[in-house]
Amino acid sequence: MVAEAEKCTEAGAIGLLLRREGLFSSQLSQWRKEAEADGLNGAPPKRGRRPKVTHSRESKELAQVRQENERLRSRLAQAELIIGAQKKLAQAFESILSQSKDGLL
């Protein structure tokens, strides 16, 4: 059926084919997906529910470590900004003190 639908080149030809055969477009879409999957790995898709994806303990720990790393990077950036501001403030005070010692103020 998929091969026959692929042969349809005119506008509306696939719709006509589906009506003639009493099929829905969703069925054709599903068959196309299955045919594509068969072409890629040669095995039909497994039926039934998909297995639950369980995250291993290592992947959970890795996610936690990454999150902690990002939090610490943020705190480091903030601390570097504060240290930079403190250095500028200290330089300004030194300048003021040196000017007052020289009698300029």
PDB file of N, CA and C in Angstrom:
ATOM      1  N   MET A   1       0.815  -1.183   0.000  1.00  0.00           N
ATOM      2  CA  MET A   1       0.000   0.000   0.000  1.00  0.00           C
ATOM      3  C   MET A   1       0.871   1.264   0.000  1.00  0.00           C
ATOM      4  N   VAL A   2       1.965   1.215   0.770  1.00  0.00           N
ATOM      5  CA  VAL A   2       2.882   2.352   0.817  1.00  0.00           C
ATOM      6  C   VAL A   2       3.497   2.574  -0.566  1.00  0.00           C
ATOM      7  N   ALA A   3       3.884   1.511  -1.211  1.00  0.00           N
ATOM      8  CA  ALA A   3       4.482   1.621  -2.542  1.00  0.00           C
ATOM      9  C   ALA A   3       3.476   2.193  -3.532  1.00  0.00           C
ATOM     10  N   GLU A   4       2.222   1.786  -3.404  1.00  0.00           N
ATOM     11  CA  GLU A   4       1.192   2.290  -4.304  1.00  0.00           C
ATOM     12  C   GLU A   4       0.940   3.779  -4.050  1.00  0.00           C
ATOM     13  N   ALA A   5       0.976   4.181  -2.797  1.00  0.00           N
ATOM     14  CA  ALA A   5       0.792   5.594  -2.459  1.00  0.00           C
ATOM     15  C   ALA A   5       1.965   6.428  -2.971  1.00  0.00           C
ATOM     16  N   GLU A   6       3.156   5.855  -2.970  1.00  0.00           N
ATOM     17  CA  GLU A   6       4.339   6.571  -3.465  1.00  0.00           C
ATOM     18  C   GLU A   6       4.253   6.818  -4.967  1.00  0.00           C
ATOM     19  N   LYS A   7       3.506   5.968  -5.673  1.00  0.00           N
ATOM     20  CA  LYS A   7       3.360   6.125  -7.120  1.00  0.00           C
ATOM     21  C   LYS A   7       2.424   7.279  -7.483  1.00  0.00           C
ATOM     22  N   CYS A   8       1.601   7.716  -6.519  1.00  0.00           N
ATOM     23  CA  CYS A   8       0.647   8.797  -6.779  1.00  0.00           C
ATOM     24  C   CYS A   8       1.396  10.110  -6.914  1.00  0.00           C
ATOM     25  N   THR A   9       1.258  10.740  -8.083  1.00  0.00           N
ATOM     26  CA  THR A   9       1.981  11.982  -8.345  1.00  0.00           C
ATOM     27  C   THR A   9       1.048  13.177  -8.489  1.00  0.00           C
ATOM     28  N   GLU A  10      -0.199  12.964  -8.853  1.00  0.00           N
ATOM     29  CA  GLU A  10      -1.136  14.062  -9.058  1.00  0.00           C
ATOM     30  C   GLU A  10      -1.734  14.516  -7.733  1.00  0.00           C
ATOM     31  N   ALA A  11      -2.162  15.766  -7.704  1.00  0.00           N
ATOM     32  CA  ALA A  11      -2.796  16.314  -6.499  1.00  0.00           C
ATOM     33  C   ALA A  11      -4.096  15.567  -6.222  1.00  0.00           C
ATOM     34  N   GLY A  12      -4.275  15.120  -5.007  1.00  0.00           N
ATOM     35  CA  GLY A  12      -5.493  14.426  -4.597  1.00  0.00           C
ATOM     36  C   GLY A  12      -5.500  12.947  -4.895  1.00  0.00           C
ATOM     37  N   ALA A  13      -4.457  12.437  -5.520  1.00  0.00           N
ATOM     38  CA  ALA A  13      -4.437  11.023  -5.902  1.00  0.00           C
ATOM     39  C   ALA A  13      -4.331  10.128  -4.673  1.00  0.00           C
ATOM     40  N   ILE A  14      -3.574  10.560  -3.678  1.00  0.00           N
ATOM     41  CA  ILE A  14      -3.443   9.739  -2.462  1.00  0.00           C
ATOM     42  C   ILE A  14      -4.784   9.690  -1.731  1.00  0.00           C
ATOM     43  N   GLY A  15      -5.478  10.833  -1.657  1.00  0.00           N
ATOM     44  CA  GLY A  15      -6.803  10.850  -1.025  1.00  0.00           C
ATOM     45  C   GLY A  15      -7.767   9.929  -1.728  1.00  0.00           C
ATOM     46  N   LEU A  16      -7.733   9.926  -3.047  1.00  0.00           N
ATOM     47  CA  LEU A  16      -8.591   9.045  -3.834  1.00  0.00           C
ATOM     48  C   LEU A  16      -8.256   7.582  -3.553  1.00  0.00           C
ATOM     49  N   LEU A  17      -6.980   7.267  -3.483  1.00  0.00           N
ATOM     50  CA  LEU A  17      -6.549   5.905  -3.187  1.00  0.00           C
ATOM     51  C   LEU A  17      -7.038   5.466  -1.808  1.00  0.00           C
ATOM     52  N   LEU A  18      -6.890   6.346  -0.822  1.00  0.00           N
ATOM     53  CA  LEU A  18      -7.317   6.005   0.536  1.00  0.00           C
ATOM     54  C   LEU A  18      -8.832   5.803   0.609  1.00  0.00           C
ATOM     55  N   ARG A  19      -9.590   6.655  -0.064  1.00  0.00           N
ATOM     56  CA  ARG A  19     -11.055   6.489  -0.062  1.00  0.00           C
ATOM     57  C   ARG A  19     -11.460   5.199  -0.754  1.00  0.00           C
ATOM     58  N   ARG A  20     -10.793   4.888  -1.856  1.00  0.00           N
ATOM     59  CA  ARG A  20     -11.096   3.667  -2.603  1.00  0.00           C
ATOM     60  C   ARG A  20     -10.859   2.424  -1.746  1.00  0.00           C
ATOM     61  N   GLU A  21      -9.784   2.458  -0.954  1.00  0.00           N
ATOM     62  CA  GLU A  21      -9.425   1.295  -0.133  1.00  0.00           C
ATOM     63  C   GLU A  21     -10.069   1.328   1.255  1.00  0.00           C
ATOM     64  N   GLY A  22     -10.738   2.434   1.582  1.00  0.00           N
ATOM     65  CA  GLY A  22     -11.396   2.536   2.885  1.00  0.00           C
ATOM     66  C   GLY A  22     -10.401   2.697   4.023  1.00  0.00           C
ATOM     67  N   LEU A  23      -9.338   3.454   3.775  1.00  0.00           N
ATOM     68  CA  LEU A  23      -8.283   3.643   4.777  1.00  0.00           C
ATOM     69  C   LEU A  23      -8.222   5.095   5.235  1.00  0.00           C
ATOM     70  N   PHE A  24      -7.528   5.299   6.334  1.00  0.00           N
ATOM     71  CA  PHE A  24      -7.308   6.632   6.865  1.00  0.00           C
ATOM     72  C   PHE A  24      -5.858   7.043   6.591  1.00  0.00           C
ATOM     73  N   SER A  25      -5.648   8.353   6.523  1.00  0.00           N
ATOM     74  CA  SER A  25      -4.297   8.842   6.261  1.00  0.00           C
ATOM     75  C   SER A  25      -3.344   8.488   7.407  1.00  0.00           C
ATOM     76  N   SER A  26      -3.896   8.378   8.621  1.00  0.00           N
ATOM     77  CA  SER A  26      -3.048   8.004   9.758  1.00  0.00           C
ATOM     78  C   SER A  26      -2.509   6.585   9.596  1.00  0.00           C
ATOM     79  N   GLN A  27      -3.304   5.697   8.988  1.00  0.00           N
ATOM     80  CA  GLN A  27      -2.823   4.335   8.754  1.00  0.00           C
ATOM     81  C   GLN A  27      -1.662   4.345   7.768  1.00  0.00           C
ATOM     82  N   LEU A  28      -1.801   5.141   6.718  1.00  0.00           N
ATOM     83  CA  LEU A  28      -0.733   5.240   5.730  1.00  0.00           C
ATOM     84  C   LEU A  28       0.528   5.823   6.369  1.00  0.00           C
ATOM     85  N   SER A  29       0.351   6.834   7.213  1.00  0.00           N
ATOM     86  CA  SER A  29       1.499   7.432   7.898  1.00  0.00           C
ATOM     87  C   SER A  29       2.209   6.409   8.773  1.00  0.00           C
ATOM     88  N   GLN A  30       1.431   5.621   9.496  1.00  0.00           N
ATOM     89  CA  GLN A  30       2.013   4.597  10.359  1.00  0.00           C
ATOM     90  C   GLN A  30       2.765   3.555   9.538  1.00  0.00           C
ATOM     91  N   TRP A  31       2.169   3.137   8.419  1.00  0.00           N
ATOM     92  CA  TRP A  31       2.835   2.147   7.570  1.00  0.00           C
ATOM     93  C   TRP A  31       4.125   2.704   6.983  1.00  0.00           C
ATOM     94  N   ARG A  32       4.116   3.994   6.635  1.00  0.00           N
ATOM     95  CA  ARG A  32       5.343   4.615   6.125  1.00  0.00           C
ATOM     96  C   ARG A  32       6.437   4.605   7.188  1.00  0.00           C
ATOM     97  N   LYS A  33       6.072   4.939   8.429  1.00  0.00           N
ATOM     98  CA  LYS A  33       7.055   4.920   9.516  1.00  0.00           C
ATOM     99  C   LYS A  33       7.619   3.523   9.723  1.00  0.00           C
ATOM    100  N   GLU A  34       6.739   2.538   9.698  1.00  0.00           N
ATOM    101  CA  GLU A  34       7.180   1.154   9.879  1.00  0.00           C
ATOM    102  C   GLU A  34       8.084   0.716   8.734  1.00  0.00           C
ATOM    103  N   ALA A  35       7.728   1.103   7.523  1.00  0.00           N
ATOM    104  CA  ALA A  35       8.542   0.734   6.365  1.00  0.00           C
ATOM    105  C   ALA A  35       9.909   1.397   6.455  1.00  0.00           C
ATOM    106  N   GLU A  36       9.938   2.641   6.906  1.00  0.00           N
ATOM    107  CA  GLU A  36      11.214   3.338   7.067  1.00  0.00           C
ATOM    108  C   GLU A  36      12.054   2.670   8.155  1.00  0.00           C
ATOM    109  N   ALA A  37      11.409   2.274   9.246  1.00  0.00           N
ATOM    110  CA  ALA A  37      12.134   1.604  10.323  1.00  0.00           C
ATOM    111  C   ALA A  37      12.669   0.251   9.854  1.00  0.00           C
ATOM    112  N   ASP A  38      11.878  -0.459   9.060  1.00  0.00           N
ATOM    113  CA  ASP A  38      12.335  -1.741   8.537  1.00  0.00           C
ATOM    114  C   ASP A  38      13.534  -1.557   7.622  1.00  0.00           C
ATOM    115  N   GLY A  39      13.532  -0.484   6.879  1.00  0.00           N
ATOM    116  CA  GLY A  39      14.646  -0.216   5.979  1.00  0.00           C
ATOM    117  C   GLY A  39      15.908   0.123   6.734  1.00  0.00           C
ATOM    118  N   LEU A  40      15.784   0.714   7.919  1.00  0.00           N
ATOM    119  CA  LEU A  40      16.960   1.118   8.677  1.00  0.00           C
ATOM    120  C   LEU A  40      17.582  -0.035   9.455  1.00  0.00           C
ATOM    121  N   ASN A  41      16.747  -0.816  10.122  1.00  0.00           N
ATOM    122  CA  ASN A  41      17.335  -1.876  10.953  1.00  0.00           C
ATOM    123  C   ASN A  41      16.848  -3.271  10.598  1.00  0.00           C
ATOM    124  N   GLY A  42      15.927  -3.383   9.669  1.00  0.00           N
ATOM    125  CA  GLY A  42      15.506  -4.693   9.196  1.00  0.00           C
ATOM    126  C   GLY A  42      14.585  -5.453  10.121  1.00  0.00           C
ATOM    127  N   ALA A  43      14.234  -4.914  11.262  1.00  0.00           N
ATOM    128  CA  ALA A  43      13.376  -5.620  12.197  1.00  0.00           C
ATOM    129  C   ALA A  43      12.090  -4.824  12.400  1.00  0.00           C
ATOM    130  N   PRO A  44      10.957  -5.500  12.483  1.00  0.00           N
ATOM    131  CA  PRO A  44       9.713  -4.775  12.725  1.00  0.00           C
ATOM    132  C   PRO A  44       9.715  -4.194  14.146  1.00  0.00           C
ATOM    133  N   PRO A  45       8.998  -3.104  14.355  1.00  0.00           N
ATOM    134  CA  PRO A  45       8.992  -2.515  15.689  1.00  0.00           C
ATOM    135  C   PRO A  45       8.321  -3.444  16.696  1.00  0.00           C
ATOM    136  N   LYS A  46       8.762  -3.392  17.911  1.00  0.00           N
ATOM    137  CA  LYS A  46       8.183  -4.239  18.950  1.00  0.00           C
ATOM    138  C   LYS A  46       6.820  -3.708  19.332  1.00  0.00           C
ATOM    139  N   ARG A  47       5.942  -4.615  19.642  1.00  0.00           N
ATOM    140  CA  ARG A  47       4.589  -4.240  20.016  1.00  0.00           C
ATOM    141  C   ARG A  47       4.511  -4.092  21.526  1.00  0.00           C
ATOM    142  N   GLY A  48       3.479  -3.405  21.969  1.00  0.00           N
ATOM    143  CA  GLY A  48       3.244  -3.251  23.400  1.00  0.00           C
ATOM    144  C   GLY A  48       3.763  -1.930  23.930  1.00  0.00           C
ATOM    145  N   ARG A  49       3.681  -1.797  25.228  1.00  0.00           N
ATOM    146  CA  ARG A  49       4.125  -0.565  25.870  1.00  0.00           C
ATOM    147  C   ARG A  49       5.626  -0.414  25.781  1.00  0.00           C
ATOM    148  N   ARG A  50       6.023   0.835  25.714  1.00  0.00           N
ATOM    149  CA  ARG A  50       7.453   1.117  25.723  1.00  0.00           C
ATOM    150  C   ARG A  50       7.956   0.957  27.150  1.00  0.00           C
ATOM    151  N   PRO A  51       9.140   0.428  27.301  1.00  0.00           N
ATOM    152  CA  PRO A  51       9.669   0.285  28.659  1.00  0.00           C
ATOM    153  C   PRO A  51       9.957   1.657  29.261  1.00  0.00           C
ATOM    154  N   LYS A  52       9.772   1.749  30.568  1.00  0.00           N
ATOM    155  CA  LYS A  52      10.059   2.991  31.259  1.00  0.00           C
ATOM    156  C   LYS A  52      11.558   3.258  31.201  1.00  0.00           C
ATOM    157  N   VAL A  53      11.874   4.511  30.981  1.00  0.00           N
ATOM    158  CA  VAL A  53      13.270   4.902  30.969  1.00  0.00           C
ATOM    159  C   VAL A  53      13.672   5.141  32.413  1.00  0.00           C
ATOM    160  N   THR A  54      14.572   4.332  32.893  1.00  0.00           N
ATOM    161  CA  THR A  54      15.039   4.514  34.265  1.00  0.00           C
ATOM    162  C   THR A  54      16.430   5.105  34.220  1.00  0.00           C
ATOM    163  N   HIS A  55      16.590   6.128  34.975  1.00  0.00           N
ATOM    164  CA  HIS A  55      17.887   6.780  35.026  1.00  0.00           C
ATOM    165  C   HIS A  55      18.743   6.065  36.072  1.00  0.00           C
ATOM    166  N   SER A  56      19.920   5.751  35.671  1.00  0.00           N
ATOM    167  CA  SER A  56      20.811   5.055  36.585  1.00  0.00           C
ATOM    168  C   SER A  56      21.264   6.001  37.678  1.00  0.00           C
ATOM    169  N   ARG A  57      21.785   5.429  38.703  1.00  0.00           N
ATOM    170  CA  ARG A  57      22.263   6.212  39.839  1.00  0.00           C
ATOM    171  C   ARG A  57      23.382   7.148  39.401  1.00  0.00           C
ATOM    172  N   GLU A  58      24.222   6.671  38.485  1.00  0.00           N
ATOM    173  CA  GLU A  58      25.332   7.496  38.012  1.00  0.00           C
ATOM    174  C   GLU A  58      24.829   8.720  37.250  1.00  0.00           C
ATOM    175  N   SER A  59      23.797   8.533  36.425  1.00  0.00           N
ATOM    176  CA  SER A  59      23.290   9.678  35.664  1.00  0.00           C
ATOM    177  C   SER A  59      22.612  10.689  36.576  1.00  0.00           C
ATOM    178  N   LYS A  60      21.959  10.210  37.630  1.00  0.00           N
ATOM    179  CA  LYS A  60      21.359  11.131  38.600  1.00  0.00           C
ATOM    180  C   LYS A  60      22.442  11.906  39.339  1.00  0.00           C
ATOM    181  N   GLU A  61      23.492  11.190  39.730  1.00  0.00           N
ATOM    182  CA  GLU A  61      24.599  11.856  40.418  1.00  0.00           C
ATOM    183  C   GLU A  61      25.273  12.866  39.499  1.00  0.00           C
ATOM    184  N   LEU A  62      25.432  12.507  38.238  1.00  0.00           N
ATOM    185  CA  LEU A  62      26.038  13.409  37.274  1.00  0.00           C
ATOM    186  C   LEU A  62      25.195  14.676  37.116  1.00  0.00           C
ATOM    187  N   ALA A  63      23.888  14.520  37.060  1.00  0.00           N
ATOM    188  CA  ALA A  63      23.001  15.680  36.950  1.00  0.00           C
ATOM    189  C   ALA A  63      23.125  16.567  38.181  1.00  0.00           C
ATOM    190  N   GLN A  64      23.220  15.959  39.362  1.00  0.00           N
ATOM    191  CA  GLN A  64      23.373  16.729  40.593  1.00  0.00           C
ATOM    192  C   GLN A  64      24.710  17.459  40.612  1.00  0.00           C
ATOM    193  N   VAL A  65      25.763  16.796  40.172  1.00  0.00           N
ATOM    194  CA  VAL A  65      27.087  17.412  40.154  1.00  0.00           C
ATOM    195  C   VAL A  65      27.110  18.581  39.173  1.00  0.00           C
ATOM    196  N   ARG A  66      26.476  18.400  38.026  1.00  0.00           N
ATOM    197  CA  ARG A  66      26.414  19.490  37.043  1.00  0.00           C
ATOM    198  C   ARG A  66      25.647  20.687  37.603  1.00  0.00           C
ATOM    199  N   GLN A  67      24.551  20.411  38.288  1.00  0.00           N
ATOM    200  CA  GLN A  67      23.758  21.479  38.877  1.00  0.00           C
ATOM    201  C   GLN A  67      24.559  22.211  39.950  1.00  0.00           C
ATOM    202  N   GLU A  68      25.255  21.465  40.787  1.00  0.00           N
ATOM    203  CA  GLU A  68      26.099  22.064  41.827  1.00  0.00           C
ATOM    204  C   GLU A  68      27.227  22.873  41.192  1.00  0.00           C
ATOM    205  N   ASN A  69      27.813  22.359  40.129  1.00  0.00           N
ATOM    206  CA  ASN A  69      28.881  23.054  39.416  1.00  0.00           C
ATOM    207  C   ASN A  69      28.376  24.393  38.886  1.00  0.00           C
ATOM    208  N   GLU A  70      27.204  24.391  38.301  1.00  0.00           N
ATOM    209  CA  GLU A  70      26.638  25.629  37.767  1.00  0.00           C
ATOM    210  C   GLU A  70      26.361  26.630  38.889  1.00  0.00           C
ATOM    211  N   ARG A  71      25.858  26.138  40.017  1.00  0.00           N
ATOM    212  CA  ARG A  71      25.591  27.018  41.160  1.00  0.00           C
ATOM    213  C   ARG A  71      26.887  27.635  41.668  1.00  0.00           C
ATOM    214  N   LEU A  72      27.937  26.829  41.762  1.00  0.00           N
ATOM    215  CA  LEU A  72      29.219  27.329  42.247  1.00  0.00           C
ATOM    216  C   LEU A  72      29.852  28.312  41.264  1.00  0.00           C
ATOM    217  N   ARG A  73      29.677  28.068  39.974  1.00  0.00           N
ATOM    218  CA  ARG A  73      30.191  29.012  38.978  1.00  0.00           C
ATOM    219  C   ARG A  73      29.516  30.375  39.127  1.00  0.00           C
ATOM    220  N   SER A  74      28.232  30.345  39.383  1.00  0.00           N
ATOM    221  CA  SER A  74      27.484  31.581  39.570  1.00  0.00           C
ATOM    222  C   SER A  74      27.978  32.326  40.809  1.00  0.00           C
ATOM    223  N   ARG A  75      28.188  31.596  41.888  1.00  0.00           N
ATOM    224  CA  ARG A  75      28.685  32.229  43.115  1.00  0.00           C
ATOM    225  C   ARG A  75      30.097  32.768  42.927  1.00  0.00           C
ATOM    226  N   LEU A  76      30.926  32.060  42.164  1.00  0.00           N
ATOM    227  CA  LEU A  76      32.284  32.516  41.892  1.00  0.00           C
ATOM    228  C   LEU A  76      32.261  33.825  41.103  1.00  0.00           C
ATOM    229  N   ALA A  77      31.409  33.895  40.105  1.00  0.00           N
ATOM    230  CA  ALA A  77      31.309  35.122  39.307  1.00  0.00           C
ATOM    231  C   ALA A  77      30.883  36.294  40.186  1.00  0.00           C
ATOM    232  N   GLN A  78      29.945  36.048  41.087  1.00  0.00           N
ATOM    233  CA  GLN A  78      29.498  37.098  41.994  1.00  0.00           C
ATOM    234  C   GLN A  78      30.629  37.518  42.933  1.00  0.00           C
ATOM    235  N   ALA A  79      31.374  36.551  43.459  1.00  0.00           N
ATOM    236  CA  ALA A  79      32.483  36.859  44.360  1.00  0.00           C
ATOM    237  C   ALA A  79      33.567  37.651  43.634  1.00  0.00           C
ATOM    238  N   GLU A  80      33.841  37.318  42.374  1.00  0.00           N
ATOM    239  CA  GLU A  80      34.847  38.051  41.608  1.00  0.00           C
ATOM    240  C   GLU A  80      34.427  39.497  41.381  1.00  0.00           C
ATOM    241  N   LEU A  81      33.143  39.726  41.163  1.00  0.00           N
ATOM    242  CA  LEU A  81      32.652  41.095  41.019  1.00  0.00           C
ATOM    243  C   LEU A  81      32.839  41.886  42.319  1.00  0.00           C
ATOM    244  N   ILE A  82      32.531  41.246  43.432  1.00  0.00           N
ATOM    245  CA  ILE A  82      32.673  41.909  44.730  1.00  0.00           C
ATOM    246  C   ILE A  82      34.140  42.224  45.008  1.00  0.00           C
ATOM    247  N   ILE A  83      35.021  41.280  44.728  1.00  0.00           N
ATOM    248  CA  ILE A  83      36.459  41.494  44.959  1.00  0.00           C
ATOM    249  C   ILE A  83      36.977  42.630  44.084  1.00  0.00           C
ATOM    250  N   GLY A  84      36.535  42.681  42.846  1.00  0.00           N
ATOM    251  CA  GLY A  84      36.934  43.763  41.948  1.00  0.00           C
ATOM    252  C   GLY A  84      36.475  45.111  42.480  1.00  0.00           C
ATOM    253  N   ALA A  85      35.250  45.181  42.984  1.00  0.00           N
ATOM    254  CA  ALA A  85      34.738  46.433  43.542  1.00  0.00           C
ATOM    255  C   ALA A  85      35.528  46.822  44.792  1.00  0.00           C
ATOM    256  N   GLN A  86      35.871  45.835  45.625  1.00  0.00           N
ATOM    257  CA  GLN A  86      36.644  46.122  46.834  1.00  0.00           C
ATOM    258  C   GLN A  86      38.034  46.652  46.486  1.00  0.00           C
ATOM    259  N   LYS A  87      38.646  46.105  45.436  1.00  0.00           N
ATOM    260  CA  LYS A  87      39.966  46.590  45.013  1.00  0.00           C
ATOM    261  C   LYS A  87      39.888  48.036  44.564  1.00  0.00           C
ATOM    262  N   LYS A  88      38.870  48.369  43.788  1.00  0.00           N
ATOM    263  CA  LYS A  88      38.713  49.744  43.323  1.00  0.00           C
ATOM    264  C   LYS A  88      38.463  50.691  44.488  1.00  0.00           C
ATOM    265  N   LEU A  89      37.680  50.253  45.452  1.00  0.00           N
ATOM    266  CA  LEU A  89      37.403  51.075  46.626  1.00  0.00           C
ATOM    267  C   LEU A  89      38.672  51.293  47.452  1.00  0.00           C
ATOM    268  N   ALA A  90      39.470  50.231  47.595  1.00  0.00           N
ATOM    269  CA  ALA A  90      40.722  50.354  48.342  1.00  0.00           C
ATOM    270  C   ALA A  90      41.674  51.314  47.638  1.00  0.00           C
ATOM    271  N   GLN A  91      41.745  51.248  46.327  1.00  0.00           N
ATOM    272  CA  GLN A  91      42.593  52.173  45.566  1.00  0.00           C
ATOM    273  C   GLN A  91      42.117  53.606  45.739  1.00  0.00           C
ATOM    274  N   ALA A  92      40.811  53.810  45.749  1.00  0.00           N
ATOM    275  CA  ALA A  92      40.274  55.157  45.928  1.00  0.00           C
ATOM    276  C   ALA A  92      40.627  55.687  47.315  1.00  0.00           C
ATOM    277  N   PHE A  93      40.514  54.868  48.360  1.00  0.00           N
ATOM    278  CA  PHE A  93      40.865  55.292  49.710  1.00  0.00           C
ATOM    279  C   PHE A  93      42.360  55.600  49.821  1.00  0.00           C
ATOM    280  N   GLU A  94      43.182  54.754  49.182  1.00  0.00           N
ATOM    281  CA  GLU A  94      44.627  55.015  49.201  1.00  0.00           C
ATOM    282  C   GLU A  94      44.941  56.344  48.532  1.00  0.00           C
ATOM    283  N   SER A  95      44.267  56.636  47.450  1.00  0.00           N
ATOM    284  CA  SER A  95      44.475  57.898  46.745  1.00  0.00           C
ATOM    285  C   SER A  95      44.072  59.079  47.624  1.00  0.00           C
ATOM    286  N   ILE A  96      42.940  58.946  48.290  1.00  0.00           N
ATOM    287  CA  ILE A  96      42.471  60.012  49.176  1.00  0.00           C
ATOM    288  C   ILE A  96      43.437  60.197  50.334  1.00  0.00           C
ATOM    289  N   LEU A  97      43.905  59.102  50.936  1.00  0.00           N
ATOM    290  CA  LEU A  97      44.840  59.195  52.068  1.00  0.00           C
ATOM    291  C   LEU A  97      46.168  59.793  51.640  1.00  0.00           C
ATOM    292  N   SER A  98      46.665  59.416  50.465  1.00  0.00           N
ATOM    293  CA  SER A  98      47.938  59.968  50.015  1.00  0.00           C
ATOM    294  C   SER A  98      47.806  61.461  49.707  1.00  0.00           C
ATOM    295  N   GLN A  99      46.664  61.872  49.206  1.00  0.00           N
ATOM    296  CA  GLN A  99      46.440  63.288  48.926  1.00  0.00           C
ATOM    297  C   GLN A  99      46.340  64.085  50.222  1.00  0.00           C
ATOM    298  N   SER A 100      45.727  63.497  51.251  1.00  0.00           N
ATOM    299  CA  SER A 100      45.589  64.199  52.518  1.00  0.00           C
ATOM    300  C   SER A 100      46.938  64.285  53.228  1.00  0.00           C
ATOM    301  N   LYS A 101      47.802  63.282  53.071  1.00  0.00           N
ATOM    302  CA  LYS A 101      49.145  63.312  53.670  1.00  0.00           C
ATOM    303  C   LYS A 101      50.004  64.359  52.972  1.00  0.00           C
ATOM    304  N   ASP A 102      49.802  64.525  51.686  1.00  0.00           N
ATOM    305  CA  ASP A 102      50.582  65.490  50.911  1.00  0.00           C
ATOM    306  C   ASP A 102      50.066  66.905  51.129  1.00  0.00           C
ATOM    307  N   GLY A 103      48.949  67.032  51.836  1.00  0.00           N
ATOM    308  CA  GLY A 103      48.403  68.339  52.135  1.00  0.00           C
ATOM    309  C   GLY A 103      47.522  68.875  51.031  1.00  0.00           C
ATOM    310  N   LEU A 104      47.139  68.044  50.126  1.00  0.00           N
ATOM    311  CA  LEU A 104      46.280  68.517  49.030  1.00  0.00           C
ATOM    312  C   LEU A 104      44.863  68.660  49.484  1.00  0.00           C
ATOM    313  N   LEU A 105      44.462  67.976  50.504  1.00  0.00           N
ATOM    314  CA  LEU A 105      43.086  68.092  50.983  1.00  0.00           C
ATOM    315  C   LEU A 105      42.978  68.847  52.259  1.00  0.00           C
TER     316      LEU A 105
END
